[in-house]
Amino acid sequence: MIARVMEFALFIDEPRTVFRAQAALVRENLRVLRQVAIPCLIMGAVFAVAYPPLEKRYGNPNPDILTLPLGSQLPRGIIAKSPPVHVLRTNEVSWRVRPAPTHPDWLIWFLITSGMSACAWPVLRLAKALLLRPHQ
């Protein structure tokens, strides 16, 4: 593709050659997009299927502010992200909070899937090489 772009400056005085180089550059770009399209569609489909259950399990539907009566402590499973803010008028205390990590489920899932893909890649390359090899 870089050679096609370099043709523009090299043949600036020959418009026909420049237009041919531009057409060839567009063809190369479309070829690259065609090669990228199928993996993107596959990943998009996987994401569309996996996102709702992952959002349901790991999403945070509750607000990040926890307000309790003055003198209360944070419940178990909650980590404060900021110091408490005391509201004397209402006798309340508020924290910016986040849930405490419970399981590394997402990490295990990530390691398993990435490990499977890392192991499958050489096998797929070998299978492709064997299938495309001319018969002797």
N, C-alpha and C. Protein backbone atom coordinates (compact mmCIF):
# COMPACT_ATOMS: atom_id res chain seq x y z
N MET A 1 0.82 -1.19 0.00
CA MET A 1 0.00 0.00 0.00
C MET A 1 0.87 1.25 0.00
N ILE A 2 1.98 1.20 0.69
CA ILE A 2 2.85 2.36 0.72
C ILE A 2 3.38 2.66 -0.67
N ALA A 3 3.66 1.60 -1.43
CA ALA A 3 4.16 1.81 -2.80
C ALA A 3 3.10 2.51 -3.64
N ARG A 4 1.84 2.16 -3.42
CA ARG A 4 0.76 2.82 -4.18
C ARG A 4 0.70 4.31 -3.84
N VAL A 5 0.86 4.65 -2.58
CA VAL A 5 0.82 6.05 -2.17
C VAL A 5 2.03 6.79 -2.73
N MET A 6 3.19 6.12 -2.74
CA MET A 6 4.40 6.77 -3.26
C MET A 6 4.29 7.04 -4.76
N GLU A 7 3.48 6.25 -5.46
CA GLU A 7 3.27 6.48 -6.88
C GLU A 7 2.65 7.85 -7.14
N PHE A 8 1.84 8.34 -6.19
CA PHE A 8 1.19 9.64 -6.38
C PHE A 8 2.23 10.73 -6.61
N ALA A 9 3.25 10.77 -5.76
CA ALA A 9 4.27 11.82 -5.87
C ALA A 9 5.19 11.55 -7.06
N LEU A 10 5.46 10.29 -7.34
CA LEU A 10 6.40 9.96 -8.41
C LEU A 10 5.84 10.30 -9.79
N PHE A 11 4.55 10.05 -9.99
CA PHE A 11 3.93 10.29 -11.30
C PHE A 11 2.94 11.44 -11.24
N ILE A 12 3.28 12.52 -10.56
CA ILE A 12 2.35 13.64 -10.40
C ILE A 12 2.00 14.30 -11.73
N ASP A 13 2.88 14.22 -12.69
CA ASP A 13 2.61 14.85 -13.98
C ASP A 13 1.85 13.93 -14.93
N GLU A 14 1.55 12.70 -14.52
CA GLU A 14 0.77 11.78 -15.35
C GLU A 14 -0.51 11.40 -14.59
N PRO A 15 -1.58 12.13 -14.81
CA PRO A 15 -2.82 11.89 -14.05
C PRO A 15 -3.38 10.48 -14.22
N ARG A 16 -3.27 9.91 -15.40
CA ARG A 16 -3.81 8.57 -15.62
C ARG A 16 -3.12 7.55 -14.71
N THR A 17 -1.82 7.66 -14.58
CA THR A 17 -1.08 6.74 -13.72
C THR A 17 -1.45 6.97 -12.24
N VAL A 18 -1.64 8.22 -11.88
CA VAL A 18 -2.04 8.52 -10.50
C VAL A 18 -3.42 7.95 -10.22
N PHE A 19 -4.35 8.07 -11.15
CA PHE A 19 -5.69 7.52 -10.95
C PHE A 19 -5.66 6.00 -10.86
N ARG A 20 -4.81 5.37 -11.67
CA ARG A 20 -4.66 3.92 -11.59
C ARG A 20 -4.10 3.52 -10.21
N ALA A 21 -3.14 4.29 -9.74
CA ALA A 21 -2.56 4.00 -8.41
C ALA A 21 -3.62 4.18 -7.33
N GLN A 22 -4.46 5.22 -7.47
CA GLN A 22 -5.52 5.41 -6.49
C GLN A 22 -6.52 4.26 -6.53
N ALA A 23 -6.88 3.81 -7.72
CA ALA A 23 -7.80 2.68 -7.83
C ALA A 23 -7.19 1.42 -7.22
N ALA A 24 -5.90 1.21 -7.46
CA ALA A 24 -5.23 0.05 -6.88
C ALA A 24 -5.18 0.16 -5.35
N LEU A 25 -4.98 1.38 -4.85
CA LEU A 25 -4.97 1.59 -3.41
C LEU A 25 -6.34 1.30 -2.79
N VAL A 26 -7.39 1.72 -3.47
CA VAL A 26 -8.75 1.43 -2.98
C VAL A 26 -8.99 -0.08 -2.99
N ARG A 27 -8.55 -0.77 -4.05
CA ARG A 27 -8.70 -2.23 -4.10
C ARG A 27 -7.96 -2.91 -2.95
N GLU A 28 -6.74 -2.45 -2.66
CA GLU A 28 -5.97 -3.03 -1.55
C GLU A 28 -6.67 -2.79 -0.22
N ASN A 29 -7.20 -1.59 -0.03
CA ASN A 29 -7.91 -1.29 1.21
C ASN A 29 -9.15 -2.17 1.35
N LEU A 30 -9.88 -2.37 0.27
CA LEU A 30 -11.06 -3.23 0.32
C LEU A 30 -10.68 -4.68 0.60
N ARG A 31 -9.53 -5.11 0.06
CA ARG A 31 -9.06 -6.47 0.33
C ARG A 31 -8.76 -6.65 1.82
N VAL A 32 -8.10 -5.65 2.40
CA VAL A 32 -7.78 -5.72 3.83
C VAL A 32 -9.07 -5.70 4.65
N LEU A 33 -10.01 -4.85 4.29
CA LEU A 33 -11.28 -4.79 5.02
C LEU A 33 -12.04 -6.11 4.90
N ARG A 34 -11.98 -6.74 3.74
CA ARG A 34 -12.65 -8.02 3.57
C ARG A 34 -12.03 -9.09 4.47
N GLN A 35 -10.71 -9.06 4.62
CA GLN A 35 -10.05 -10.03 5.48
C GLN A 35 -10.35 -9.79 6.95
N VAL A 36 -10.60 -8.56 7.33
CA VAL A 36 -10.86 -8.21 8.72
C VAL A 36 -12.34 -8.36 9.06
N ALA A 37 -13.21 -8.32 8.07
CA ALA A 37 -14.65 -8.28 8.31
C ALA A 37 -15.16 -9.54 9.02
N ILE A 38 -14.76 -10.71 8.59
CA ILE A 38 -15.28 -11.95 9.17
C ILE A 38 -14.86 -12.09 10.64
N PRO A 39 -13.58 -11.89 11.00
CA PRO A 39 -13.26 -11.95 12.44
C PRO A 39 -14.01 -10.90 13.26
N CYS A 40 -14.20 -9.72 12.69
CA CYS A 40 -14.95 -8.69 13.43
C CYS A 40 -16.40 -9.10 13.62
N LEU A 41 -17.01 -9.68 12.62
CA LEU A 41 -18.39 -10.15 12.75
C LEU A 41 -18.50 -11.28 13.76
N ILE A 42 -17.53 -12.18 13.76
CA ILE A 42 -17.54 -13.29 14.73
C ILE A 42 -17.42 -12.73 16.14
N MET A 43 -16.47 -11.83 16.35
CA MET A 43 -16.29 -11.25 17.69
C MET A 43 -17.51 -10.42 18.09
N GLY A 44 -18.12 -9.74 17.13
CA GLY A 44 -19.33 -8.98 17.43
C GLY A 44 -20.46 -9.89 17.87
N ALA A 45 -20.60 -11.03 17.22
CA ALA A 45 -21.65 -11.98 17.61
C ALA A 45 -21.37 -12.55 19.00
N VAL A 46 -20.12 -12.90 19.26
CA VAL A 46 -19.76 -13.42 20.59
C VAL A 46 -20.03 -12.36 21.65
N PHE A 47 -19.66 -11.12 21.36
CA PHE A 47 -19.87 -10.04 22.32
C PHE A 47 -21.36 -9.82 22.55
N ALA A 48 -22.16 -9.85 21.48
CA ALA A 48 -23.60 -9.63 21.63
C ALA A 48 -24.25 -10.72 22.48
N VAL A 49 -23.75 -11.94 22.38
CA VAL A 49 -24.30 -13.03 23.17
C VAL A 49 -23.79 -12.98 24.61
N ALA A 50 -22.52 -12.63 24.79
CA ALA A 50 -21.91 -12.69 26.12
C ALA A 50 -22.19 -11.45 26.96
N TYR A 51 -22.47 -10.31 26.36
CA TYR A 51 -22.59 -9.08 27.13
C TYR A 51 -23.75 -9.08 28.13
N PRO A 52 -24.98 -9.45 27.74
CA PRO A 52 -26.08 -9.38 28.73
C PRO A 52 -25.86 -10.21 29.99
N PRO A 53 -25.43 -11.49 29.90
CA PRO A 53 -25.21 -12.21 31.17
C PRO A 53 -24.04 -11.65 31.98
N LEU A 54 -23.00 -11.19 31.29
CA LEU A 54 -21.87 -10.61 32.03
C LEU A 54 -22.27 -9.30 32.70
N GLU A 55 -23.06 -8.50 32.02
CA GLU A 55 -23.53 -7.24 32.61
C GLU A 55 -24.45 -7.53 33.80
N LYS A 56 -25.28 -8.56 33.67
CA LYS A 56 -26.18 -8.92 34.77
C LYS A 56 -25.39 -9.38 35.99
N ARG A 57 -24.33 -10.13 35.75
CA ARG A 57 -23.55 -10.66 36.88
C ARG A 57 -22.59 -9.62 37.46
N TYR A 58 -21.88 -8.88 36.59
CA TYR A 58 -20.82 -8.00 37.07
C TYR A 58 -21.18 -6.52 37.02
N GLY A 59 -22.32 -6.17 36.44
CA GLY A 59 -22.73 -4.78 36.37
C GLY A 59 -23.09 -4.25 37.76
N ASN A 60 -23.12 -2.95 37.88
CA ASN A 60 -23.43 -2.33 39.17
C ASN A 60 -24.71 -1.52 39.02
N PRO A 61 -25.89 -2.13 39.29
CA PRO A 61 -27.14 -1.40 39.13
C PRO A 61 -27.40 -0.40 40.26
N ASN A 62 -26.73 -0.56 41.38
CA ASN A 62 -26.95 0.31 42.52
C ASN A 62 -26.06 1.55 42.41
N PRO A 63 -26.49 2.64 43.03
CA PRO A 63 -25.63 3.83 43.00
C PRO A 63 -24.36 3.59 43.80
N ASP A 64 -23.35 4.37 43.52
CA ASP A 64 -22.07 4.22 44.19
C ASP A 64 -21.98 4.98 45.50
N ILE A 65 -23.05 5.59 45.94
CA ILE A 65 -23.08 6.33 47.20
C ILE A 65 -23.92 5.53 48.20
N LEU A 66 -23.34 5.27 49.37
CA LEU A 66 -24.05 4.57 50.43
C LEU A 66 -24.25 5.53 51.59
N THR A 67 -25.50 5.72 52.01
CA THR A 67 -25.84 6.62 53.11
C THR A 67 -26.45 5.80 54.24
N LEU A 68 -25.89 5.96 55.43
CA LEU A 68 -26.36 5.23 56.62
C LEU A 68 -26.54 6.22 57.76
N PRO A 69 -27.27 5.81 58.82
CA PRO A 69 -27.39 6.69 60.00
C PRO A 69 -26.02 6.95 60.63
N LEU A 70 -25.89 8.08 61.25
CA LEU A 70 -24.62 8.47 61.89
C LEU A 70 -24.22 7.43 62.93
N GLY A 71 -22.95 7.06 62.94
CA GLY A 71 -22.44 6.05 63.87
C GLY A 71 -22.44 4.65 63.29
N SER A 72 -23.00 4.45 62.11
CA SER A 72 -23.03 3.12 61.49
C SER A 72 -21.69 2.82 60.83
N GLN A 73 -21.43 1.56 60.68
CA GLN A 73 -20.23 1.09 59.99
C GLN A 73 -20.62 0.55 58.62
N LEU A 74 -19.63 0.47 57.74
CA LEU A 74 -19.89 -0.12 56.42
C LEU A 74 -20.21 -1.59 56.56
N PRO A 75 -21.18 -2.09 55.80
CA PRO A 75 -21.48 -3.52 55.83
C PRO A 75 -20.34 -4.33 55.23
N ARG A 76 -20.32 -5.61 55.55
CA ARG A 76 -19.32 -6.49 54.95
C ARG A 76 -19.54 -6.58 53.46
N GLY A 77 -18.48 -6.73 52.73
CA GLY A 77 -18.57 -6.85 51.28
C GLY A 77 -18.56 -5.51 50.57
N ILE A 78 -18.38 -4.42 51.31
CA ILE A 78 -18.36 -3.08 50.71
C ILE A 78 -17.02 -2.43 51.08
N ILE A 79 -16.39 -1.79 50.12
CA ILE A 79 -15.14 -1.08 50.36
C ILE A 79 -15.38 0.39 50.08
N ALA A 80 -14.95 1.25 51.00
CA ALA A 80 -15.10 2.70 50.83
C ALA A 80 -14.02 3.21 49.89
N LYS A 81 -14.42 4.03 48.90
CA LYS A 81 -13.47 4.64 47.99
C LYS A 81 -13.07 6.03 48.44
N SER A 82 -13.77 6.59 49.40
CA SER A 82 -13.47 7.94 49.90
C SER A 82 -13.77 7.98 51.39
N PRO A 83 -13.26 8.99 52.10
CA PRO A 83 -13.60 9.10 53.53
C PRO A 83 -15.08 9.43 53.70
N PRO A 84 -15.62 9.16 54.89
CA PRO A 84 -17.05 9.42 55.10
C PRO A 84 -17.35 10.92 55.10
N VAL A 85 -18.55 11.24 54.61
CA VAL A 85 -19.04 12.62 54.62
C VAL A 85 -20.19 12.67 55.62
N HIS A 86 -20.03 13.47 56.67
CA HIS A 86 -21.04 13.57 57.72
C HIS A 86 -22.02 14.69 57.38
N VAL A 87 -23.31 14.38 57.42
CA VAL A 87 -24.36 15.37 57.22
C VAL A 87 -25.03 15.55 58.58
N LEU A 88 -24.66 16.61 59.30
CA LEU A 88 -25.13 16.79 60.67
C LEU A 88 -26.62 17.11 60.73
N ARG A 89 -27.13 17.79 59.73
CA ARG A 89 -28.54 18.18 59.73
C ARG A 89 -29.46 16.97 59.75
N THR A 90 -29.08 15.92 59.03
CA THR A 90 -29.93 14.72 58.95
C THR A 90 -29.37 13.56 59.77
N ASN A 91 -28.24 13.76 60.46
CA ASN A 91 -27.58 12.70 61.23
C ASN A 91 -27.29 11.47 60.38
N GLU A 92 -26.67 11.71 59.23
CA GLU A 92 -26.32 10.63 58.32
C GLU A 92 -24.84 10.74 57.95
N VAL A 93 -24.32 9.64 57.47
CA VAL A 93 -22.95 9.60 56.96
C VAL A 93 -23.01 8.89 55.60
N SER A 94 -22.25 9.42 54.63
CA SER A 94 -22.26 8.85 53.27
C SER A 94 -20.85 8.51 52.85
N TRP A 95 -20.73 7.44 52.10
CA TRP A 95 -19.46 7.02 51.53
C TRP A 95 -19.63 6.79 50.04
N ARG A 96 -18.59 7.00 49.30
CA ARG A 96 -18.52 6.51 47.93
C ARG A 96 -17.95 5.11 48.04
N VAL A 97 -18.67 4.12 47.52
CA VAL A 97 -18.31 2.72 47.78
C VAL A 97 -18.19 1.94 46.48
N ARG A 98 -17.60 0.77 46.63
CA ARG A 98 -17.56 -0.22 45.56
C ARG A 98 -17.69 -1.59 46.20
N PRO A 99 -18.20 -2.57 45.47
CA PRO A 99 -18.30 -3.91 46.06
C PRO A 99 -16.91 -4.54 46.22
N ALA A 100 -16.74 -5.30 47.26
CA ALA A 100 -15.47 -6.00 47.48
C ALA A 100 -15.38 -7.16 46.49
N PRO A 101 -14.21 -7.40 45.96
CA PRO A 101 -14.08 -8.54 45.04
C PRO A 101 -14.34 -9.85 45.77
N THR A 102 -15.15 -10.69 45.17
CA THR A 102 -15.50 -11.96 45.81
C THR A 102 -14.82 -13.14 45.13
N HIS A 103 -14.91 -13.20 43.82
CA HIS A 103 -14.33 -14.31 43.07
C HIS A 103 -13.56 -13.73 41.88
N PRO A 104 -12.49 -14.37 41.52
CA PRO A 104 -11.83 -13.94 40.28
C PRO A 104 -12.42 -14.68 39.08
N ASP A 105 -13.76 -14.79 39.00
CA ASP A 105 -14.40 -15.54 37.92
C ASP A 105 -13.99 -15.02 36.56
N TRP A 106 -14.01 -13.70 36.39
CA TRP A 106 -13.68 -13.13 35.09
C TRP A 106 -12.24 -13.44 34.73
N LEU A 107 -11.33 -13.48 35.71
CA LEU A 107 -9.93 -13.77 35.44
C LEU A 107 -9.77 -15.22 35.01
N ILE A 108 -10.47 -16.11 35.68
CA ILE A 108 -10.40 -17.53 35.32
C ILE A 108 -10.96 -17.72 33.91
N TRP A 109 -12.10 -17.09 33.63
CA TRP A 109 -12.70 -17.20 32.30
C TRP A 109 -11.74 -16.65 31.24
N PHE A 110 -11.12 -15.52 31.51
CA PHE A 110 -10.19 -14.92 30.56
C PHE A 110 -8.98 -15.82 30.32
N LEU A 111 -8.41 -16.37 31.39
CA LEU A 111 -7.24 -17.23 31.24
C LEU A 111 -7.58 -18.52 30.47
N ILE A 112 -8.75 -19.07 30.73
CA ILE A 112 -9.14 -20.30 30.03
C ILE A 112 -9.33 -20.02 28.54
N THR A 113 -10.07 -18.96 28.21
CA THR A 113 -10.33 -18.69 26.79
C THR A 113 -9.06 -18.27 26.06
N SER A 114 -8.22 -17.46 26.69
CA SER A 114 -6.99 -17.05 26.00
C SER A 114 -6.04 -18.24 25.88
N GLY A 115 -6.01 -19.10 26.87
CA GLY A 115 -5.18 -20.29 26.77
C GLY A 115 -5.65 -21.23 25.67
N MET A 116 -6.97 -21.39 25.55
CA MET A 116 -7.51 -22.23 24.48
C MET A 116 -7.18 -21.66 23.11
N SER A 117 -7.32 -20.34 22.96
CA SER A 117 -7.02 -19.75 21.66
C SER A 117 -5.53 -19.82 21.35
N ALA A 118 -4.68 -19.67 22.37
CA ALA A 118 -3.24 -19.77 22.15
C ALA A 118 -2.84 -21.18 21.75
N CYS A 119 -3.50 -22.19 22.33
CA CYS A 119 -3.20 -23.57 21.97
C CYS A 119 -3.80 -23.95 20.62
N ALA A 120 -4.93 -23.35 20.27
CA ALA A 120 -5.60 -23.71 19.02
C ALA A 120 -4.92 -23.08 17.82
N TRP A 121 -4.26 -21.94 17.99
CA TRP A 121 -3.67 -21.24 16.85
C TRP A 121 -2.63 -22.10 16.11
N PRO A 122 -1.65 -22.71 16.78
CA PRO A 122 -0.70 -23.55 16.04
C PRO A 122 -1.37 -24.75 15.38
N VAL A 123 -2.38 -25.31 16.04
CA VAL A 123 -3.09 -26.45 15.46
C VAL A 123 -3.80 -26.04 14.17
N LEU A 124 -4.45 -24.87 14.21
CA LEU A 124 -5.14 -24.38 13.01
C LEU A 124 -4.16 -24.07 11.89
N ARG A 125 -3.01 -23.51 12.21
CA ARG A 125 -2.00 -23.22 11.19
C ARG A 125 -1.48 -24.51 10.56
N LEU A 126 -1.26 -25.53 11.41
CA LEU A 126 -0.78 -26.82 10.90
C LEU A 126 -1.84 -27.46 10.01
N ALA A 127 -3.11 -27.42 10.45
CA ALA A 127 -4.19 -28.01 9.66
C ALA A 127 -4.32 -27.28 8.32
N LYS A 128 -4.20 -25.97 8.33
CA LYS A 128 -4.28 -25.21 7.09
C LYS A 128 -3.13 -25.57 6.16
N ALA A 129 -1.93 -25.71 6.72
CA ALA A 129 -0.77 -26.07 5.90
C ALA A 129 -0.94 -27.46 5.31
N LEU A 130 -1.48 -28.40 6.09
CA LEU A 130 -1.67 -29.76 5.58
C LEU A 130 -2.77 -29.81 4.53
N LEU A 131 -3.82 -29.04 4.70
CA LEU A 131 -4.93 -29.06 3.74
C LEU A 131 -4.56 -28.37 2.43
N LEU A 132 -3.74 -27.34 2.50
CA LEU A 132 -3.40 -26.59 1.30
C LEU A 132 -2.15 -27.12 0.61
N ARG A 133 -1.49 -28.11 1.19
CA ARG A 133 -0.29 -28.68 0.59
C ARG A 133 -0.68 -29.52 -0.63
N PRO A 134 0.03 -29.36 -1.72
CA PRO A 134 -0.30 -30.20 -2.91
C PRO A 134 -0.03 -31.67 -2.60
N HIS A 135 -0.91 -32.51 -3.15
CA HIS A 135 -0.76 -33.96 -2.93
C HIS A 135 0.38 -34.48 -3.78
N GLN A 136 1.17 -35.37 -3.19
CA GLN A 136 2.31 -35.93 -3.92
C GLN A 136 2.12 -37.39 -4.18
